[in-house]
Amino acid sequence: MAQAGKGRLNYRCPSCFMRDIDIDMFYDKEKDEYYCLRCQYRGDEKNVLEKNELARFRYGMIGRRITIEDYGD
């Protein structure tokens, strides 16, 4: 098996991140894909970015304090 290394950018594994586990993915130059050692997720850069957008949607309001007035009628 080829020696793996970190990719150009440190992408988080979307599958693990949706379960609140912050794991960086590794990059395989021969296959031109990213993979996770923990959950066996594999995907090219486009696929990883699409899945990470779903995680950003999940945490989109994390920096905002929600109060009862936000839900007032």
PDB file of N, CA and C in Angstrom:
ATOM      1  N   MET A   1       0.845  -1.175   0.000  1.00  0.00           N
ATOM      2  CA  MET A   1       0.000   0.000   0.000  1.00  0.00           C
ATOM      3  C   MET A   1       0.889   1.235   0.000  1.00  0.00           C
ATOM      4  N   ALA A   2       0.444   2.247  -0.701  1.00  0.00           N
ATOM      5  CA  ALA A   2       1.217   3.481  -0.802  1.00  0.00           C
ATOM      6  C   ALA A   2       1.241   4.211   0.537  1.00  0.00           C
ATOM      7  N   GLN A   3       2.326   4.905   0.765  1.00  0.00           N
ATOM      8  CA  GLN A   3       2.443   5.710   1.984  1.00  0.00           C
ATOM      9  C   GLN A   3       1.529   6.914   1.853  1.00  0.00           C
ATOM     10  N   ALA A   4       0.673   7.095   2.799  1.00  0.00           N
ATOM     11  CA  ALA A   4      -0.281   8.197   2.755  1.00  0.00           C
ATOM     12  C   ALA A   4       0.261   9.390   3.522  1.00  0.00           C
ATOM     13  N   GLY A   5      -0.241  10.528   3.190  1.00  0.00           N
ATOM     14  CA  GLY A   5       0.140  11.741   3.900  1.00  0.00           C
ATOM     15  C   GLY A   5      -1.008  12.710   3.916  1.00  0.00           C
ATOM     16  N   LYS A   6      -0.834  13.777   4.635  1.00  0.00           N
ATOM     17  CA  LYS A   6      -1.856  14.815   4.656  1.00  0.00           C
ATOM     18  C   LYS A   6      -1.948  15.435   3.270  1.00  0.00           C
ATOM     19  N   GLY A   7      -3.136  15.857   2.905  1.00  0.00           N
ATOM     20  CA  GLY A   7      -3.347  16.480   1.616  1.00  0.00           C
ATOM     21  C   GLY A   7      -2.858  17.911   1.611  1.00  0.00           C
ATOM     22  N   ARG A   8      -3.182  18.593   0.523  1.00  0.00           N
ATOM     23  CA  ARG A   8      -2.778  19.997   0.410  1.00  0.00           C
ATOM     24  C   ARG A   8      -3.419  20.826   1.516  1.00  0.00           C
ATOM     25  N   LEU A   9      -4.680  20.546   1.786  1.00  0.00           N
ATOM     26  CA  LEU A   9      -5.401  21.199   2.865  1.00  0.00           C
ATOM     27  C   LEU A   9      -5.865  20.130   3.838  1.00  0.00           C
ATOM     28  N   ASN A  10      -6.037  20.474   5.080  1.00  0.00           N
ATOM     29  CA  ASN A  10      -6.535  19.514   6.055  1.00  0.00           C
ATOM     30  C   ASN A  10      -8.058  19.512   6.021  1.00  0.00           C
ATOM     31  N   TYR A  11      -8.608  18.556   5.295  1.00  0.00           N
ATOM     32  CA  TYR A  11     -10.060  18.399   5.254  1.00  0.00           C
ATOM     33  C   TYR A  11     -10.489  17.515   6.416  1.00  0.00           C
ATOM     34  N   ARG A  12     -11.637  17.831   6.985  1.00  0.00           N
ATOM     35  CA  ARG A  12     -12.207  16.994   8.031  1.00  0.00           C
ATOM     36  C   ARG A  12     -13.052  15.909   7.381  1.00  0.00           C
ATOM     37  N   CYS A  13     -13.061  14.747   8.001  1.00  0.00           N
ATOM     38  CA  CYS A  13     -13.893  13.658   7.505  1.00  0.00           C
ATOM     39  C   CYS A  13     -15.358  14.034   7.732  1.00  0.00           C
ATOM     40  N   PRO A  14     -16.164  14.137   6.670  1.00  0.00           N
ATOM     41  CA  PRO A  14     -17.558  14.549   6.850  1.00  0.00           C
ATOM     42  C   PRO A  14     -18.377  13.529   7.637  1.00  0.00           C
ATOM     43  N   SER A  15     -18.099  12.255   7.452  1.00  0.00           N
ATOM     44  CA  SER A  15     -18.845  11.218   8.159  1.00  0.00           C
ATOM     45  C   SER A  15     -18.584  11.289   9.662  1.00  0.00           C
ATOM     46  N   CYS A  16     -17.335  11.418  10.046  1.00  0.00           N
ATOM     47  CA  CYS A  16     -16.995  11.531  11.474  1.00  0.00           C
ATOM     48  C   CYS A  16     -17.468  12.864  12.049  1.00  0.00           C
ATOM     49  N   PHE A  17     -17.329  13.939  11.281  1.00  0.00           N
ATOM     50  CA  PHE A  17     -17.684  15.260  11.785  1.00  0.00           C
ATOM     51  C   PHE A  17     -19.181  15.377  12.053  1.00  0.00           C
ATOM     52  N   MET A  18     -20.008  14.676  11.281  1.00  0.00           N
ATOM     53  CA  MET A  18     -21.448  14.680  11.533  1.00  0.00           C
ATOM     54  C   MET A  18     -21.772  13.989  12.856  1.00  0.00           C
ATOM     55  N   ARG A  19     -20.850  13.164  13.340  1.00  0.00           N
ATOM     56  CA  ARG A  19     -21.016  12.499  14.628  1.00  0.00           C
ATOM     57  C   ARG A  19     -20.199  13.194  15.710  1.00  0.00           C
ATOM     58  N   ASP A  20     -19.830  14.447  15.469  1.00  0.00           N
ATOM     59  CA  ASP A  20     -19.096  15.286  16.427  1.00  0.00           C
ATOM     60  C   ASP A  20     -17.717  14.737  16.761  1.00  0.00           C
ATOM     61  N   ILE A  21     -17.066  14.116  15.777  1.00  0.00           N
ATOM     62  CA  ILE A  21     -15.699  13.644  15.919  1.00  0.00           C
ATOM     63  C   ILE A  21     -14.859  14.397  14.902  1.00  0.00           C
ATOM     64  N   ASP A  22     -13.853  15.085  15.360  1.00  0.00           N
ATOM     65  CA  ASP A  22     -13.037  15.940  14.491  1.00  0.00           C
ATOM     66  C   ASP A  22     -11.780  15.183  14.056  1.00  0.00           C
ATOM     67  N   ILE A  23     -11.821  14.589  12.867  1.00  0.00           N
ATOM     68  CA  ILE A  23     -10.726  13.786  12.342  1.00  0.00           C
ATOM     69  C   ILE A  23     -10.279  14.363  10.996  1.00  0.00           C
ATOM     70  N   ASP A  24      -8.984  14.581  10.848  1.00  0.00           N
ATOM     71  CA  ASP A  24      -8.451  15.004   9.553  1.00  0.00           C
ATOM     72  C   ASP A  24      -8.367  13.817   8.611  1.00  0.00           C
ATOM     73  N   MET A  25      -8.558  14.096   7.329  1.00  0.00           N
ATOM     74  CA  MET A  25      -8.469  13.046   6.321  1.00  0.00           C
ATOM     75  C   MET A  25      -7.055  12.986   5.765  1.00  0.00           C
ATOM     76  N   PHE A  26      -6.714  11.859   5.194  1.00  0.00           N
ATOM     77  CA  PHE A  26      -5.435  11.667   4.524  1.00  0.00           C
ATOM     78  C   PHE A  26      -5.661  11.636   3.030  1.00  0.00           C
ATOM     79  N   TYR A  27      -4.604  11.899   2.273  1.00  0.00           N
ATOM     80  CA  TYR A  27      -4.704  11.984   0.823  1.00  0.00           C
ATOM     81  C   TYR A  27      -3.840  10.908   0.183  1.00  0.00           C
ATOM     82  N   ASP A  28      -4.409  10.178  -0.766  1.00  0.00           N
ATOM     83  CA  ASP A  28      -3.689   9.157  -1.520  1.00  0.00           C
ATOM     84  C   ASP A  28      -3.430   9.702  -2.925  1.00  0.00           C
ATOM     85  N   LYS A  29      -2.174  10.000  -3.229  1.00  0.00           N
ATOM     86  CA  LYS A  29      -1.826  10.595  -4.522  1.00  0.00           C
ATOM     87  C   LYS A  29      -2.094   9.653  -5.684  1.00  0.00           C
ATOM     88  N   GLU A  30      -1.854   8.367  -5.486  1.00  0.00           N
ATOM     89  CA  GLU A  30      -2.044   7.409  -6.577  1.00  0.00           C
ATOM     90  C   GLU A  30      -3.507   7.317  -7.012  1.00  0.00           C
ATOM     91  N   LYS A  31      -4.410   7.339  -6.051  1.00  0.00           N
ATOM     92  CA  LYS A  31      -5.843   7.234  -6.361  1.00  0.00           C
ATOM     93  C   LYS A  31      -6.522   8.593  -6.471  1.00  0.00           C
ATOM     94  N   ASP A  32      -5.802   9.650  -6.125  1.00  0.00           N
ATOM     95  CA  ASP A  32      -6.329  11.015  -6.131  1.00  0.00           C
ATOM     96  C   ASP A  32      -7.626  11.097  -5.321  1.00  0.00           C
ATOM     97  N   GLU A  33      -7.574  10.602  -4.078  1.00  0.00           N
ATOM     98  CA  GLU A  33      -8.740  10.653  -3.211  1.00  0.00           C
ATOM     99  C   GLU A  33      -8.320  10.837  -1.758  1.00  0.00           C
ATOM    100  N   TYR A  34      -9.255  11.322  -0.985  1.00  0.00           N
ATOM    101  CA  TYR A  34      -9.063  11.494   0.448  1.00  0.00           C
ATOM    102  C   TYR A  34      -9.735  10.329   1.167  1.00  0.00           C
ATOM    103  N   TYR A  35      -9.198   9.958   2.320  1.00  0.00           N
ATOM    104  CA  TYR A  35      -9.801   8.878   3.089  1.00  0.00           C
ATOM    105  C   TYR A  35      -9.591   9.106   4.573  1.00  0.00           C
ATOM    106  N   CYS A  36     -10.459   8.461   5.358  1.00  0.00           N
ATOM    107  CA  CYS A  36     -10.425   8.569   6.810  1.00  0.00           C
ATOM    108  C   CYS A  36      -9.953   7.243   7.382  1.00  0.00           C
ATOM    109  N   LEU A  37      -9.027   7.300   8.322  1.00  0.00           N
ATOM    110  CA  LEU A  37      -8.528   6.083   8.958  1.00  0.00           C
ATOM    111  C   LEU A  37      -9.522   5.516   9.972  1.00  0.00           C
ATOM    112  N   ARG A  38     -10.396   6.353  10.490  1.00  0.00           N
ATOM    113  CA  ARG A  38     -11.299   5.915  11.543  1.00  0.00           C
ATOM    114  C   ARG A  38     -12.536   5.215  11.001  1.00  0.00           C
ATOM    115  N   CYS A  39     -13.165   5.777   9.976  1.00  0.00           N
ATOM    116  CA  CYS A  39     -14.456   5.234   9.523  1.00  0.00           C
ATOM    117  C   CYS A  39     -14.413   4.661   8.108  1.00  0.00           C
ATOM    118  N   GLN A  40     -13.303   4.710   7.446  1.00  0.00           N
ATOM    119  CA  GLN A  40     -13.134   4.170   6.090  1.00  0.00           C
ATOM    120  C   GLN A  40     -13.886   4.965   5.026  1.00  0.00           C
ATOM    121  N   TYR A  41     -14.222   6.229   5.318  1.00  0.00           N
ATOM    122  CA  TYR A  41     -14.837   7.092   4.296  1.00  0.00           C
ATOM    123  C   TYR A  41     -13.798   7.411   3.236  1.00  0.00           C
ATOM    124  N   ARG A  42     -14.199   7.392   1.969  1.00  0.00           N
ATOM    125  CA  ARG A  42     -13.320   7.736   0.850  1.00  0.00           C
ATOM    126  C   ARG A  42     -14.073   8.655  -0.101  1.00  0.00           C
ATOM    127  N   GLY A  43     -13.346   9.577  -0.709  1.00  0.00           N
ATOM    128  CA  GLY A  43     -13.966  10.444  -1.700  1.00  0.00           C
ATOM    129  C   GLY A  43     -12.967  11.402  -2.299  1.00  0.00           C
ATOM    130  N   ASP A  44     -13.301  11.881  -3.496  1.00  0.00           N
ATOM    131  CA  ASP A  44     -12.435  12.875  -4.118  1.00  0.00           C
ATOM    132  C   ASP A  44     -12.695  14.232  -3.471  1.00  0.00           C
ATOM    133  N   GLU A  45     -11.909  15.224  -3.864  1.00  0.00           N
ATOM    134  CA  GLU A  45     -11.982  16.539  -3.218  1.00  0.00           C
ATOM    135  C   GLU A  45     -13.374  17.153  -3.343  1.00  0.00           C
ATOM    136  N   LYS A  46     -13.992  17.020  -4.507  1.00  0.00           N
ATOM    137  CA  LYS A  46     -15.321  17.592  -4.727  1.00  0.00           C
ATOM    138  C   LYS A  46     -16.343  16.962  -3.784  1.00  0.00           C
ATOM    139  N   ASN A  47     -16.296  15.649  -3.653  1.00  0.00           N
ATOM    140  CA  ASN A  47     -17.221  14.928  -2.787  1.00  0.00           C
ATOM    141  C   ASN A  47     -17.038  15.334  -1.325  1.00  0.00           C
ATOM    142  N   VAL A  48     -15.798  15.443  -0.889  1.00  0.00           N
ATOM    143  CA  VAL A  48     -15.520  15.833   0.499  1.00  0.00           C
ATOM    144  C   VAL A  48     -16.042  17.240   0.777  1.00  0.00           C
ATOM    145  N   LEU A  49     -15.825  18.162  -0.149  1.00  0.00           N
ATOM    146  CA  LEU A  49     -16.295  19.536   0.039  1.00  0.00           C
ATOM    147  C   LEU A  49     -17.822  19.601   0.086  1.00  0.00           C
ATOM    148  N   GLU A  50     -18.499  18.819  -0.758  1.00  0.00           N
ATOM    149  CA  GLU A  50     -19.962  18.794  -0.738  1.00  0.00           C
ATOM    150  C   GLU A  50     -20.487  18.296   0.602  1.00  0.00           C
ATOM    151  N   LYS A  51     -19.894  17.245   1.111  1.00  0.00           N
ATOM    152  CA  LYS A  51     -20.340  16.684   2.388  1.00  0.00           C
ATOM    153  C   LYS A  51     -20.013  17.611   3.552  1.00  0.00           C
ATOM    154  N   ASN A  52     -18.904  18.337   3.471  1.00  0.00           N
ATOM    155  CA  ASN A  52     -18.560  19.284   4.536  1.00  0.00           C
ATOM    156  C   ASN A  52     -19.504  20.477   4.546  1.00  0.00           C
ATOM    157  N   GLU A  53     -20.104  20.805   3.413  1.00  0.00           N
ATOM    158  CA  GLU A  53     -21.111  21.876   3.384  1.00  0.00           C
ATOM    159  C   GLU A  53     -22.322  21.479   4.225  1.00  0.00           C
ATOM    160  N   LEU A  54     -22.674  20.196   4.228  1.00  0.00           N
ATOM    161  CA  LEU A  54     -23.780  19.731   5.076  1.00  0.00           C
ATOM    162  C   LEU A  54     -23.457  19.931   6.548  1.00  0.00           C
ATOM    163  N   ALA A  55     -22.207  19.706   6.916  1.00  0.00           N
ATOM    164  CA  ALA A  55     -21.797  19.919   8.305  1.00  0.00           C
ATOM    165  C   ALA A  55     -21.856  21.402   8.654  1.00  0.00           C
ATOM    166  N   ARG A  56     -21.485  22.260   7.735  1.00  0.00           N
ATOM    167  CA  ARG A  56     -21.566  23.706   7.989  1.00  0.00           C
ATOM    168  C   ARG A  56     -23.015  24.142   8.177  1.00  0.00           C
ATOM    169  N   PHE A  57     -23.923  23.517   7.433  1.00  0.00           N
ATOM    170  CA  PHE A  57     -25.348  23.816   7.606  1.00  0.00           C
ATOM    171  C   PHE A  57     -25.801  23.439   9.009  1.00  0.00           C
ATOM    172  N   ARG A  58     -25.338  22.311   9.490  1.00  0.00           N
ATOM    173  CA  ARG A  58     -25.726  21.835  10.809  1.00  0.00           C
ATOM    174  C   ARG A  58     -25.288  22.808  11.901  1.00  0.00           C
ATOM    175  N   TYR A  59     -24.106  23.361  11.771  1.00  0.00           N
ATOM    176  CA  TYR A  59     -23.552  24.247  12.784  1.00  0.00           C
ATOM    177  C   TYR A  59     -23.633  25.713  12.384  1.00  0.00           C
ATOM    178  N   GLY A  60     -24.517  26.057  11.494  1.00  0.00           N
ATOM    179  CA  GLY A  60     -24.619  27.426  10.987  1.00  0.00           C
ATOM    180  C   GLY A  60     -24.960  28.470  12.029  1.00  0.00           C
ATOM    181  N   MET A  61     -25.686  28.101  13.066  1.00  0.00           N
ATOM    182  CA  MET A  61     -26.113  29.063  14.091  1.00  0.00           C
ATOM    183  C   MET A  61     -25.288  28.945  15.367  1.00  0.00           C
ATOM    184  N   ILE A  62     -24.158  28.293  15.324  1.00  0.00           N
ATOM    185  CA  ILE A  62     -23.391  28.019  16.536  1.00  0.00           C
ATOM    186  C   ILE A  62     -22.884  29.298  17.217  1.00  0.00           C
ATOM    187  N   GLY A  63     -22.651  30.351  16.468  1.00  0.00           N
ATOM    188  CA  GLY A  63     -22.132  31.579  17.058  1.00  0.00           C
ATOM    189  C   GLY A  63     -23.208  32.550  17.502  1.00  0.00           C
ATOM    190  N   ARG A  64     -24.466  32.172  17.367  1.00  0.00           N
ATOM    191  CA  ARG A  64     -25.564  33.085  17.691  1.00  0.00           C
ATOM    192  C   ARG A  64     -26.320  32.581  18.916  1.00  0.00           C
ATOM    193  N   ARG A  65     -26.629  33.489  19.824  1.00  0.00           N
ATOM    194  CA  ARG A  65     -27.409  33.131  21.016  1.00  0.00           C
ATOM    195  C   ARG A  65     -28.892  33.202  20.661  1.00  0.00           C
ATOM    196  N   ILE A  66     -29.586  32.123  20.876  1.00  0.00           N
ATOM    197  CA  ILE A  66     -31.005  32.045  20.579  1.00  0.00           C
ATOM    198  C   ILE A  66     -31.788  32.339  21.870  1.00  0.00           C
ATOM    199  N   THR A  67     -32.721  33.274  21.790  1.00  0.00           N
ATOM    200  CA  THR A  67     -33.532  33.632  22.954  1.00  0.00           C
ATOM    201  C   THR A  67     -35.011  33.403  22.635  1.00  0.00           C
ATOM    202  N   ILE A  68     -35.848  33.515  23.651  1.00  0.00           N
ATOM    203  CA  ILE A  68     -37.280  33.328  23.485  1.00  0.00           C
ATOM    204  C   ILE A  68     -37.868  34.372  22.537  1.00  0.00           C
ATOM    205  N   GLU A  69     -37.267  35.565  22.483  1.00  0.00           N
ATOM    206  CA  GLU A  69     -37.759  36.619  21.600  1.00  0.00           C
ATOM    207  C   GLU A  69     -37.596  36.246  20.120  1.00  0.00           C
ATOM    208  N   ASP A  70     -36.632  35.373  19.837  1.00  0.00           N
ATOM    209  CA  ASP A  70     -36.447  34.932  18.462  1.00  0.00           C
ATOM    210  C   ASP A  70     -37.619  34.119  17.960  1.00  0.00           C
ATOM    211  N   TYR A  71     -38.385  33.523  18.874  1.00  0.00           N
ATOM    212  CA  TYR A  71     -39.505  32.662  18.488  1.00  0.00           C
ATOM    213  C   TYR A  71     -40.856  33.286  18.831  1.00  0.00           C
ATOM    214  N   GLY A  72     -40.860  34.564  19.179  1.00  0.00           N
ATOM    215  CA  GLY A  72     -42.105  35.239  19.549  1.00  0.00           C
ATOM    216  C   GLY A  72     -43.062  35.350  18.383  1.00  0.00           C
ATOM    217  N   ASP A  73     -44.346  35.408  18.706  1.00  0.00           N
ATOM    218  CA  ASP A  73     -45.368  35.527  17.659  1.00  0.00           C
ATOM    219  C   ASP A  73     -45.579  36.916  17.221  1.00  0.00           C
TER     220      ASP A  73
END
